[in-house]
Amino acid sequence: NERLLTPRRESRLQVVRSTVSPGGSGGGKLYTINSPVDVVHVLAGSITVQFSDRTLTLAAGDSLTFDGREPHNWQADLEVETELLWILAPAAWEGTV
């Protein structure tokens, strides 16, 4: 479940709050986002963030800043629901209204 917190027309910054079921992930493969600044902040639960050369575990209260164009993936805690705040600059996508 994702909720966009910034206006859809905002192109400079995008903030998304995600509620992730236990074991949820960004998919099976490493992926990229067309945003040079990608920040993930863990509000509750924990996630493991995987890059091609490293893996990091983040718990509630932790943040990670990285280049979204670098191949990456993530997986939520297997036991509990996870709450994440994603901040992308510039916005990875724009919508209308």
N, C-alpha and C. Protein backbone atom coordinates (compact mmCIF):
# COMPACT_ATOMS: atom_id res chain seq x y z
N ASN A 1 0.84 -1.17 0.00
CA ASN A 1 0.00 0.00 0.00
C ASN A 1 0.89 1.24 0.00
N GLU A 2 0.76 2.08 -1.00
CA GLU A 2 1.56 3.29 -1.10
C GLU A 2 0.67 4.51 -1.14
N ARG A 3 1.14 5.58 -0.51
CA ARG A 3 0.40 6.83 -0.51
C ARG A 3 1.35 7.96 -0.86
N LEU A 4 1.06 8.67 -1.94
CA LEU A 4 1.85 9.81 -2.35
C LEU A 4 1.53 10.98 -1.43
N LEU A 5 2.54 11.54 -0.77
CA LEU A 5 2.34 12.63 0.18
C LEU A 5 2.58 14.01 -0.41
N THR A 6 3.23 14.07 -1.56
CA THR A 6 3.47 15.34 -2.23
C THR A 6 2.48 15.49 -3.38
N PRO A 7 2.20 16.72 -3.81
CA PRO A 7 1.29 16.91 -4.95
C PRO A 7 1.82 16.19 -6.19
N ARG A 8 0.91 15.63 -6.97
CA ARG A 8 1.30 14.90 -8.19
C ARG A 8 2.08 15.76 -9.17
N ARG A 9 1.81 17.03 -9.20
CA ARG A 9 2.50 17.91 -10.15
C ARG A 9 3.87 18.36 -9.68
N GLU A 10 4.23 18.04 -8.45
CA GLU A 10 5.54 18.44 -7.91
C GLU A 10 6.64 17.62 -8.57
N SER A 11 7.54 18.28 -9.27
CA SER A 11 8.60 17.55 -9.98
C SER A 11 9.95 17.60 -9.25
N ARG A 12 10.10 18.50 -8.28
CA ARG A 12 11.38 18.64 -7.59
C ARG A 12 11.62 17.57 -6.53
N LEU A 13 10.53 17.07 -5.96
CA LEU A 13 10.64 16.15 -4.83
C LEU A 13 9.40 15.27 -4.79
N GLN A 14 9.59 14.03 -4.39
CA GLN A 14 8.46 13.12 -4.26
C GLN A 14 8.59 12.37 -2.94
N VAL A 15 7.53 12.38 -2.14
CA VAL A 15 7.52 11.67 -0.87
C VAL A 15 6.38 10.66 -0.90
N VAL A 16 6.72 9.41 -0.62
CA VAL A 16 5.75 8.31 -0.65
C VAL A 16 5.84 7.55 0.67
N ARG A 17 4.69 7.28 1.27
CA ARG A 17 4.64 6.44 2.47
C ARG A 17 4.14 5.07 2.05
N SER A 18 4.90 4.04 2.42
CA SER A 18 4.56 2.66 2.05
C SER A 18 4.28 1.83 3.29
N THR A 19 3.21 1.07 3.24
CA THR A 19 2.92 0.05 4.25
C THR A 19 3.14 -1.29 3.56
N VAL A 20 4.08 -2.07 4.07
CA VAL A 20 4.50 -3.29 3.40
C VAL A 20 4.17 -4.50 4.27
N SER A 21 3.50 -5.47 3.69
CA SER A 21 3.18 -6.72 4.39
C SER A 21 4.47 -7.47 4.73
N PRO A 22 4.44 -8.32 5.75
CA PRO A 22 5.63 -9.10 6.08
C PRO A 22 6.19 -9.82 4.85
N GLY A 23 7.49 -9.66 4.64
CA GLY A 23 8.16 -10.31 3.52
C GLY A 23 8.00 -9.61 2.19
N GLY A 24 7.26 -8.50 2.14
CA GLY A 24 7.09 -7.76 0.89
C GLY A 24 8.43 -7.24 0.38
N SER A 25 8.51 -6.98 -0.93
CA SER A 25 9.78 -6.56 -1.50
C SER A 25 9.57 -5.69 -2.73
N GLY A 26 10.68 -5.21 -3.25
CA GLY A 26 10.66 -4.42 -4.48
C GLY A 26 10.62 -5.30 -5.72
N GLY A 27 10.53 -6.60 -5.56
CA GLY A 27 10.49 -7.53 -6.69
C GLY A 27 11.65 -8.50 -6.60
N GLY A 28 11.76 -9.36 -7.57
CA GLY A 28 12.78 -10.40 -7.54
C GLY A 28 14.15 -10.00 -8.02
N LYS A 29 14.25 -8.89 -8.75
CA LYS A 29 15.53 -8.51 -9.35
C LYS A 29 15.91 -7.10 -8.92
N LEU A 30 17.20 -6.80 -9.05
CA LEU A 30 17.66 -5.44 -8.82
C LEU A 30 17.01 -4.52 -9.85
N TYR A 31 16.67 -3.31 -9.45
CA TYR A 31 16.03 -2.36 -10.35
C TYR A 31 16.60 -0.96 -10.11
N THR A 32 16.27 -0.04 -10.98
CA THR A 32 16.70 1.35 -10.84
C THR A 32 15.49 2.27 -10.91
N ILE A 33 15.66 3.48 -10.38
CA ILE A 33 14.65 4.53 -10.47
C ILE A 33 15.36 5.75 -11.03
N ASN A 34 14.73 6.47 -11.92
CA ASN A 34 15.37 7.62 -12.55
C ASN A 34 15.35 8.82 -11.59
N SER A 35 16.06 8.68 -10.49
CA SER A 35 16.16 9.73 -9.48
C SER A 35 17.53 9.62 -8.82
N PRO A 36 18.38 10.66 -8.94
CA PRO A 36 19.72 10.57 -8.38
C PRO A 36 19.77 10.56 -6.86
N VAL A 37 18.73 11.06 -6.20
CA VAL A 37 18.69 11.03 -4.74
C VAL A 37 17.47 10.21 -4.31
N ASP A 38 17.73 9.10 -3.65
CA ASP A 38 16.68 8.21 -3.15
C ASP A 38 16.95 8.03 -1.66
N VAL A 39 15.99 8.38 -0.84
CA VAL A 39 16.12 8.22 0.61
C VAL A 39 15.00 7.29 1.07
N VAL A 40 15.35 6.31 1.88
CA VAL A 40 14.33 5.48 2.52
C VAL A 40 14.52 5.65 4.03
N HIS A 41 13.41 5.92 4.72
CA HIS A 41 13.42 6.04 6.18
C HIS A 41 12.44 5.00 6.72
N VAL A 42 12.90 4.19 7.65
CA VAL A 42 12.06 3.13 8.21
C VAL A 42 11.32 3.69 9.42
N LEU A 43 10.00 3.74 9.31
CA LEU A 43 9.16 4.22 10.40
C LEU A 43 8.85 3.11 11.40
N ALA A 44 8.65 1.89 10.91
CA ALA A 44 8.35 0.73 11.76
C ALA A 44 8.80 -0.52 11.03
N GLY A 45 9.18 -1.55 11.78
CA GLY A 45 9.66 -2.78 11.17
C GLY A 45 11.11 -2.65 10.75
N SER A 46 11.48 -3.38 9.72
CA SER A 46 12.85 -3.31 9.20
C SER A 46 12.86 -3.78 7.75
N ILE A 47 13.90 -3.37 7.04
CA ILE A 47 14.09 -3.83 5.66
C ILE A 47 15.56 -4.16 5.43
N THR A 48 15.79 -5.00 4.45
CA THR A 48 17.12 -5.28 3.95
C THR A 48 17.19 -4.68 2.56
N VAL A 49 18.21 -3.84 2.33
CA VAL A 49 18.40 -3.21 1.03
C VAL A 49 19.62 -3.85 0.38
N GLN A 50 19.42 -4.35 -0.84
CA GLN A 50 20.49 -5.05 -1.55
C GLN A 50 20.95 -4.22 -2.74
N PHE A 51 22.26 -4.10 -2.88
CA PHE A 51 22.91 -3.52 -4.05
C PHE A 51 23.76 -4.61 -4.68
N SER A 52 24.34 -4.36 -5.83
CA SER A 52 25.14 -5.40 -6.48
C SER A 52 26.37 -5.77 -5.66
N ASP A 53 26.88 -4.85 -4.83
CA ASP A 53 28.11 -5.11 -4.09
C ASP A 53 27.97 -5.10 -2.57
N ARG A 54 26.75 -4.89 -2.06
CA ARG A 54 26.58 -4.82 -0.61
C ARG A 54 25.11 -5.01 -0.23
N THR A 55 24.90 -5.39 1.02
CA THR A 55 23.56 -5.55 1.58
C THR A 55 23.53 -4.86 2.93
N LEU A 56 22.48 -4.06 3.16
CA LEU A 56 22.34 -3.31 4.41
C LEU A 56 21.00 -3.62 5.05
N THR A 57 20.97 -3.69 6.37
CA THR A 57 19.72 -3.88 7.10
C THR A 57 19.40 -2.61 7.86
N LEU A 58 18.17 -2.13 7.70
CA LEU A 58 17.71 -0.91 8.35
C LEU A 58 16.56 -1.24 9.29
N ALA A 59 16.60 -0.69 10.50
CA ALA A 59 15.54 -0.89 11.49
C ALA A 59 14.78 0.42 11.67
N ALA A 60 13.70 0.37 12.44
CA ALA A 60 12.90 1.57 12.71
C ALA A 60 13.81 2.70 13.19
N GLY A 61 13.65 3.87 12.57
CA GLY A 61 14.46 5.03 12.89
C GLY A 61 15.67 5.21 12.00
N ASP A 62 16.03 4.18 11.23
CA ASP A 62 17.19 4.27 10.32
C ASP A 62 16.79 4.86 8.98
N SER A 63 17.75 5.53 8.35
CA SER A 63 17.57 6.08 7.01
C SER A 63 18.77 5.70 6.15
N LEU A 64 18.54 5.65 4.86
CA LEU A 64 19.60 5.39 3.89
C LEU A 64 19.40 6.31 2.71
N THR A 65 20.46 6.98 2.28
CA THR A 65 20.44 7.81 1.08
C THR A 65 21.35 7.16 0.05
N PHE A 66 20.85 7.02 -1.18
CA PHE A 66 21.63 6.41 -2.25
C PHE A 66 21.16 6.94 -3.59
N ASP A 67 21.91 6.65 -4.62
CA ASP A 67 21.55 7.03 -5.99
C ASP A 67 20.55 6.00 -6.51
N GLY A 68 19.32 6.42 -6.76
CA GLY A 68 18.28 5.51 -7.22
C GLY A 68 18.60 4.88 -8.57
N ARG A 69 19.56 5.46 -9.29
CA ARG A 69 19.95 4.89 -10.59
C ARG A 69 20.90 3.71 -10.42
N GLU A 70 21.36 3.48 -9.19
CA GLU A 70 22.19 2.31 -8.89
C GLU A 70 21.27 1.11 -8.71
N PRO A 71 21.55 -0.01 -9.37
CA PRO A 71 20.69 -1.18 -9.22
C PRO A 71 20.56 -1.59 -7.74
N HIS A 72 19.31 -1.77 -7.31
CA HIS A 72 19.04 -2.10 -5.91
C HIS A 72 17.72 -2.85 -5.80
N ASN A 73 17.48 -3.38 -4.62
CA ASN A 73 16.21 -4.02 -4.29
C ASN A 73 16.08 -4.00 -2.78
N TRP A 74 14.93 -4.32 -2.27
CA TRP A 74 14.71 -4.31 -0.83
C TRP A 74 13.69 -5.38 -0.47
N GLN A 75 13.75 -5.83 0.79
CA GLN A 75 12.77 -6.78 1.31
C GLN A 75 12.44 -6.40 2.74
N ALA A 76 11.16 -6.43 3.06
CA ALA A 76 10.69 -6.10 4.40
C ALA A 76 10.88 -7.28 5.35
N ASP A 77 10.84 -6.97 6.62
CA ASP A 77 10.89 -7.96 7.69
C ASP A 77 9.88 -9.08 7.40
N LEU A 78 10.25 -10.30 7.69
CA LEU A 78 9.38 -11.45 7.42
C LEU A 78 8.29 -11.62 8.47
N GLU A 79 8.44 -10.99 9.64
CA GLU A 79 7.53 -11.23 10.76
C GLU A 79 6.45 -10.17 10.94
N VAL A 80 6.76 -8.91 10.65
CA VAL A 80 5.82 -7.82 10.96
C VAL A 80 5.64 -6.88 9.77
N GLU A 81 4.55 -6.14 9.79
CA GLU A 81 4.31 -5.11 8.79
C GLU A 81 5.38 -4.02 8.92
N THR A 82 5.79 -3.47 7.80
CA THR A 82 6.84 -2.44 7.79
C THR A 82 6.27 -1.15 7.21
N GLU A 83 6.63 -0.03 7.82
CA GLU A 83 6.22 1.30 7.35
C GLU A 83 7.47 2.03 6.87
N LEU A 84 7.42 2.51 5.63
CA LEU A 84 8.57 3.19 5.02
C LEU A 84 8.17 4.56 4.50
N LEU A 85 9.12 5.47 4.51
CA LEU A 85 8.97 6.76 3.88
C LEU A 85 10.05 6.84 2.81
N TRP A 86 9.64 7.02 1.55
CA TRP A 86 10.56 7.15 0.42
C TRP A 86 10.58 8.61 -0.01
N ILE A 87 11.77 9.17 -0.20
CA ILE A 87 11.92 10.54 -0.65
C ILE A 87 12.81 10.50 -1.88
N LEU A 88 12.31 11.02 -3.00
CA LEU A 88 13.03 10.98 -4.27
C LEU A 88 13.21 12.40 -4.78
N ALA A 89 14.43 12.73 -5.20
CA ALA A 89 14.70 14.06 -5.74
C ALA A 89 15.60 13.93 -6.96
N PRO A 90 15.15 14.45 -8.10
CA PRO A 90 13.81 14.97 -8.33
C PRO A 90 12.79 13.82 -8.34
N ALA A 91 11.53 14.18 -8.45
CA ALA A 91 10.47 13.16 -8.48
C ALA A 91 10.74 12.16 -9.58
N ALA A 92 10.54 10.89 -9.27
CA ALA A 92 10.79 9.83 -10.25
C ALA A 92 9.72 9.80 -11.33
N TRP A 93 8.53 10.25 -11.01
CA TRP A 93 7.45 10.31 -11.99
C TRP A 93 6.51 11.43 -11.62
N GLU A 94 5.80 11.93 -12.59
CA GLU A 94 4.82 12.99 -12.38
C GLU A 94 3.47 12.51 -12.88
N GLY A 95 2.43 13.03 -12.28
CA GLY A 95 1.08 12.74 -12.73
C GLY A 95 0.34 14.05 -12.91
N THR A 96 -0.89 13.98 -13.25
CA THR A 96 -1.70 15.18 -13.35
C THR A 96 -2.68 15.21 -12.21
N VAL A 97 -3.02 16.41 -11.78
CA VAL A 97 -3.94 16.69 -10.67
C VAL A 97 -3.39 16.25 -9.34
